[in-house]
Amino acid sequence: MTKLTVLSPIIHDQTEYKPGDKFEGDDKVVADLIAAGALEDPNREKTVQESSELDEAKAQAQELRGAAEKELADAKAEAAKILDDANTEADKIKADAKAEGQAAIKAAQDAAKNGAQTKPSTPTK
């Protein structure tokens, strides 16, 4: 049995089918539904208009896909630039913090060194 596309609403064996659904049934039921215009006839030749519309739809789909792929590539490039900028800024902040930390350590060491060298100024008897 071949699955065919439903063209018109169908209720068969208490199941509802809407246009676009796929229908599968025995040969007699399928033949009757094709004859009634409710199922797509797989043997019917497409009209020139249908073929033209299909070609146009395919071209539009290809164009949309190309545009979507370009937008995706642009978005990836922008995201990479943002990430690179953020990493550069983070590296600068880390370098600044390290320099400030080293300066604070040196200042503390110098203060400790100077404090150890000073003599009490209290007179002795």
C-alpha atoms as a PDB file:
ATOM      1  CA  MET A   1       0.000   0.000   0.000  1.00  0.00           C
ATOM      2  CA  THR A   2       1.212   3.446  -0.913  1.00  0.00           C
ATOM      3  CA  LYS A   3       0.731   6.473   1.303  1.00  0.00           C
ATOM      4  CA  LEU A   4      -0.971   9.254  -0.610  1.00  0.00           C
ATOM      5  CA  THR A   5      -1.463  12.915   0.233  1.00  0.00           C
ATOM      6  CA  VAL A   6      -4.926  13.934   1.385  1.00  0.00           C
ATOM      7  CA  LEU A   7      -6.393  16.796  -0.675  1.00  0.00           C
ATOM      8  CA  SER A   8      -9.781  17.124   1.034  1.00  0.00           C
ATOM      9  CA  PRO A   9     -10.916  16.221   4.552  1.00  0.00           C
ATOM     10  CA  ILE A  10     -11.656  12.513   4.947  1.00  0.00           C
ATOM     11  CA  ILE A  11     -13.077  10.385   7.749  1.00  0.00           C
ATOM     12  CA  HIS A  12     -12.196   6.726   7.296  1.00  0.00           C
ATOM     13  CA  ASP A  13     -12.531   4.009   9.945  1.00  0.00           C
ATOM     14  CA  GLN A  14     -13.280   6.710  12.563  1.00  0.00           C
ATOM     15  CA  THR A  15     -10.011   8.498  11.769  1.00  0.00           C
ATOM     16  CA  GLU A  16     -10.053  12.084  10.532  1.00  0.00           C
ATOM     17  CA  TYR A  17      -7.600  13.128   7.846  1.00  0.00           C
ATOM     18  CA  LYS A  18      -6.898  16.757   6.948  1.00  0.00           C
ATOM     19  CA  PRO A  19      -5.431  18.100   3.706  1.00  0.00           C
ATOM     20  CA  GLY A  20      -1.701  17.424   3.693  1.00  0.00           C
ATOM     21  CA  ASP A  21      -1.978  14.296   5.854  1.00  0.00           C
ATOM     22  CA  LYS A  22      -0.880  10.941   4.468  1.00  0.00           C
ATOM     23  CA  PHE A  23      -3.517   8.287   3.884  1.00  0.00           C
ATOM     24  CA  GLU A  24      -2.985   4.582   3.428  1.00  0.00           C
ATOM     25  CA  GLY A  25      -5.770   2.148   2.665  1.00  0.00           C
ATOM     26  CA  ASP A  26      -6.723  -0.821   0.557  1.00  0.00           C
ATOM     27  CA  ASP A  27      -6.680  -0.442  -3.235  1.00  0.00           C
ATOM     28  CA  LYS A  28     -10.474  -0.072  -3.659  1.00  0.00           C
ATOM     29  CA  VAL A  29     -10.788   2.647  -1.001  1.00  0.00           C
ATOM     30  CA  VAL A  30      -7.750   4.476  -2.378  1.00  0.00           C
ATOM     31  CA  ALA A  31      -9.094   4.290  -5.947  1.00  0.00           C
ATOM     32  CA  ASP A  32     -12.496   5.613  -4.829  1.00  0.00           C
ATOM     33  CA  LEU A  33     -10.915   8.494  -2.906  1.00  0.00           C
ATOM     34  CA  ILE A  34      -8.665   9.392  -5.848  1.00  0.00           C
ATOM     35  CA  ALA A  35     -11.696   9.366  -8.145  1.00  0.00           C
ATOM     36  CA  ALA A  36     -13.548  11.618  -5.683  1.00  0.00           C
ATOM     37  CA  GLY A  37     -10.597  14.027  -5.635  1.00  0.00           C
ATOM     38  CA  ALA A  38      -9.901  13.492  -1.937  1.00  0.00           C
ATOM     39  CA  LEU A  39      -6.452  11.921  -2.479  1.00  0.00           C
ATOM     40  CA  GLU A  40      -3.621  12.951  -4.722  1.00  0.00           C
ATOM     41  CA  ASP A  41      -3.414  10.747  -7.794  1.00  0.00           C
ATOM     42  CA  PRO A  42       0.227   9.629  -8.041  1.00  0.00           C
ATOM     43  CA  ASN A  43      -0.209   8.855 -11.743  1.00  0.00           C
ATOM     44  CA  ARG A  44      -1.604  12.274 -12.698  1.00  0.00           C
ATOM     45  CA  GLU A  45       0.799  14.402 -14.652  1.00  0.00           C
ATOM     46  CA  LYS A  46       1.527  17.796 -13.208  1.00  0.00           C
ATOM     47  CA  THR A  47       0.276  20.766 -15.169  1.00  0.00           C
ATOM     48  CA  VAL A  48       2.705  23.319 -16.558  1.00  0.00           C
ATOM     49  CA  GLN A  49       1.495  25.783 -13.917  1.00  0.00           C
ATOM     50  CA  GLU A  50       2.106  23.290 -11.095  1.00  0.00           C
ATOM     51  CA  SER A  51       5.577  22.493 -12.435  1.00  0.00           C
ATOM     52  CA  SER A  52       6.379  26.191 -12.763  1.00  0.00           C
ATOM     53  CA  GLU A  53       5.121  26.868  -9.229  1.00  0.00           C
ATOM     54  CA  LEU A  54       7.187  23.983  -7.917  1.00  0.00           C
ATOM     55  CA  ASP A  55      10.316  25.272  -9.644  1.00  0.00           C
ATOM     56  CA  GLU A  56       9.639  28.759  -8.294  1.00  0.00           C
ATOM     57  CA  ALA A  57       9.117  27.425  -4.783  1.00  0.00           C
ATOM     58  CA  LYS A  58      12.372  25.463  -4.996  1.00  0.00           C
ATOM     59  CA  ALA A  59      14.247  28.574  -6.178  1.00  0.00           C
ATOM     60  CA  GLN A  60      12.763  30.636  -3.337  1.00  0.00           C
ATOM     61  CA  ALA A  61      13.659  27.936  -0.827  1.00  0.00           C
ATOM     62  CA  GLN A  62      17.231  27.850  -2.131  1.00  0.00           C
ATOM     63  CA  GLU A  63      17.442  31.647  -1.926  1.00  0.00           C
ATOM     64  CA  LEU A  64      16.118  31.638   1.638  1.00  0.00           C
ATOM     65  CA  ARG A  65      18.561  28.910   2.591  1.00  0.00           C
ATOM     66  CA  GLY A  66      21.444  30.906   1.145  1.00  0.00           C
ATOM     67  CA  ALA A  67      20.356  34.025   3.041  1.00  0.00           C
ATOM     68  CA  ALA A  68      19.983  32.032   6.268  1.00  0.00           C
ATOM     69  CA  GLU A  69      23.430  30.478   5.839  1.00  0.00           C
ATOM     70  CA  LYS A  70      24.938  33.949   5.257  1.00  0.00           C
ATOM     71  CA  GLU A  71      23.192  35.325   8.354  1.00  0.00           C
ATOM     72  CA  LEU A  72      24.475  32.372  10.361  1.00  0.00           C
ATOM     73  CA  ALA A  73      28.033  32.922   9.128  1.00  0.00           C
ATOM     74  CA  ASP A  74      27.770  36.652   9.931  1.00  0.00           C
ATOM     75  CA  ALA A  75      26.414  35.897  13.407  1.00  0.00           C
ATOM     76  CA  LYS A  76      29.244  33.412  14.048  1.00  0.00           C
ATOM     77  CA  ALA A  77      31.830  35.968  12.927  1.00  0.00           C
ATOM     78  CA  GLU A  78      30.304  38.661  15.156  1.00  0.00           C
ATOM     79  CA  ALA A  79      30.195  36.260  18.109  1.00  0.00           C
ATOM     80  CA  ALA A  80      33.853  35.350  17.533  1.00  0.00           C
ATOM     81  CA  LYS A  81      34.802  39.044  17.455  1.00  0.00           C
ATOM     82  CA  ILE A  82      32.880  39.734  20.664  1.00  0.00           C
ATOM     83  CA  LEU A  83      34.547  36.767  22.348  1.00  0.00           C
ATOM     84  CA  ASP A  84      37.974  37.881  21.163  1.00  0.00           C
ATOM     85  CA  ASP A  85      37.349  41.430  22.423  1.00  0.00           C
ATOM     86  CA  ALA A  86      36.150  40.072  25.776  1.00  0.00           C
ATOM     87  CA  ASN A  87      39.237  37.859  26.095  1.00  0.00           C
ATOM     88  CA  THR A  88      41.508  40.806  25.265  1.00  0.00           C
ATOM     89  CA  GLU A  89      39.783  42.971  27.882  1.00  0.00           C
ATOM     90  CA  ALA A  90      39.969  40.146  30.445  1.00  0.00           C
ATOM     91  CA  ASP A  91      43.704  39.716  29.764  1.00  0.00           C
ATOM     92  CA  LYS A  92      44.224  43.482  30.246  1.00  0.00           C
ATOM     93  CA  ILE A  93      42.286  43.446  33.529  1.00  0.00           C
ATOM     94  CA  LYS A  94      44.330  40.453  34.757  1.00  0.00           C
ATOM     95  CA  ALA A  95      47.608  42.150  33.808  1.00  0.00           C
ATOM     96  CA  ASP A  96      46.563  45.371  35.566  1.00  0.00           C
ATOM     97  CA  ALA A  97      45.481  43.451  38.668  1.00  0.00           C
ATOM     98  CA  LYS A  98      48.749  41.529  38.716  1.00  0.00           C
ATOM     99  CA  ALA A  99      50.772  44.744  38.420  1.00  0.00           C
ATOM    100  CA  GLU A 100      48.742  46.378  41.199  1.00  0.00           C
ATOM    101  CA  GLY A 101      49.147  43.296  43.381  1.00  0.00           C
ATOM    102  CA  GLN A 102      52.906  43.223  42.817  1.00  0.00           C
ATOM    103  CA  ALA A 103      53.141  46.941  43.609  1.00  0.00           C
ATOM    104  CA  ALA A 104      51.159  46.419  46.822  1.00  0.00           C
ATOM    105  CA  ILE A 105      53.401  43.515  47.831  1.00  0.00           C
ATOM    106  CA  LYS A 106      56.542  45.579  47.151  1.00  0.00           C
ATOM    107  CA  ALA A 107      55.126  48.507  49.133  1.00  0.00           C
ATOM    108  CA  ALA A 108      54.299  46.186  52.043  1.00  0.00           C
ATOM    109  CA  GLN A 109      57.769  44.619  51.907  1.00  0.00           C
ATOM    110  CA  ASP A 110      59.381  48.056  51.818  1.00  0.00           C
ATOM    111  CA  ALA A 111      57.264  49.226  54.738  1.00  0.00           C
ATOM    112  CA  ALA A 112      58.145  46.092  56.700  1.00  0.00           C
ATOM    113  CA  LYS A 113      61.835  46.532  55.875  1.00  0.00           C
ATOM    114  CA  ASN A 114      61.814  50.208  56.895  1.00  0.00           C
ATOM    115  CA  GLY A 115      59.912  49.384  60.065  1.00  0.00           C
ATOM    116  CA  ALA A 116      62.533  46.789  61.061  1.00  0.00           C
ATOM    117  CA  GLN A 117      65.382  49.266  60.525  1.00  0.00           C
ATOM    118  CA  THR A 118      63.969  52.036  62.663  1.00  0.00           C
ATOM    119  CA  LYS A 119      65.207  52.209  66.210  1.00  0.00           C
ATOM    120  CA  PRO A 120      63.059  53.029  69.131  1.00  0.00           C
ATOM    121  CA  SER A 121      63.382  56.667  70.089  1.00  0.00           C
ATOM    122  CA  THR A 122      62.899  56.153  73.768  1.00  0.00           C
ATOM    123  CA  PRO A 123      65.886  57.224  75.832  1.00  0.00           C
ATOM    124  CA  THR A 124      67.540  54.586  77.935  1.00  0.00           C
ATOM    125  CA  LYS A 125      68.858  55.259  81.458  1.00  0.00           C
END
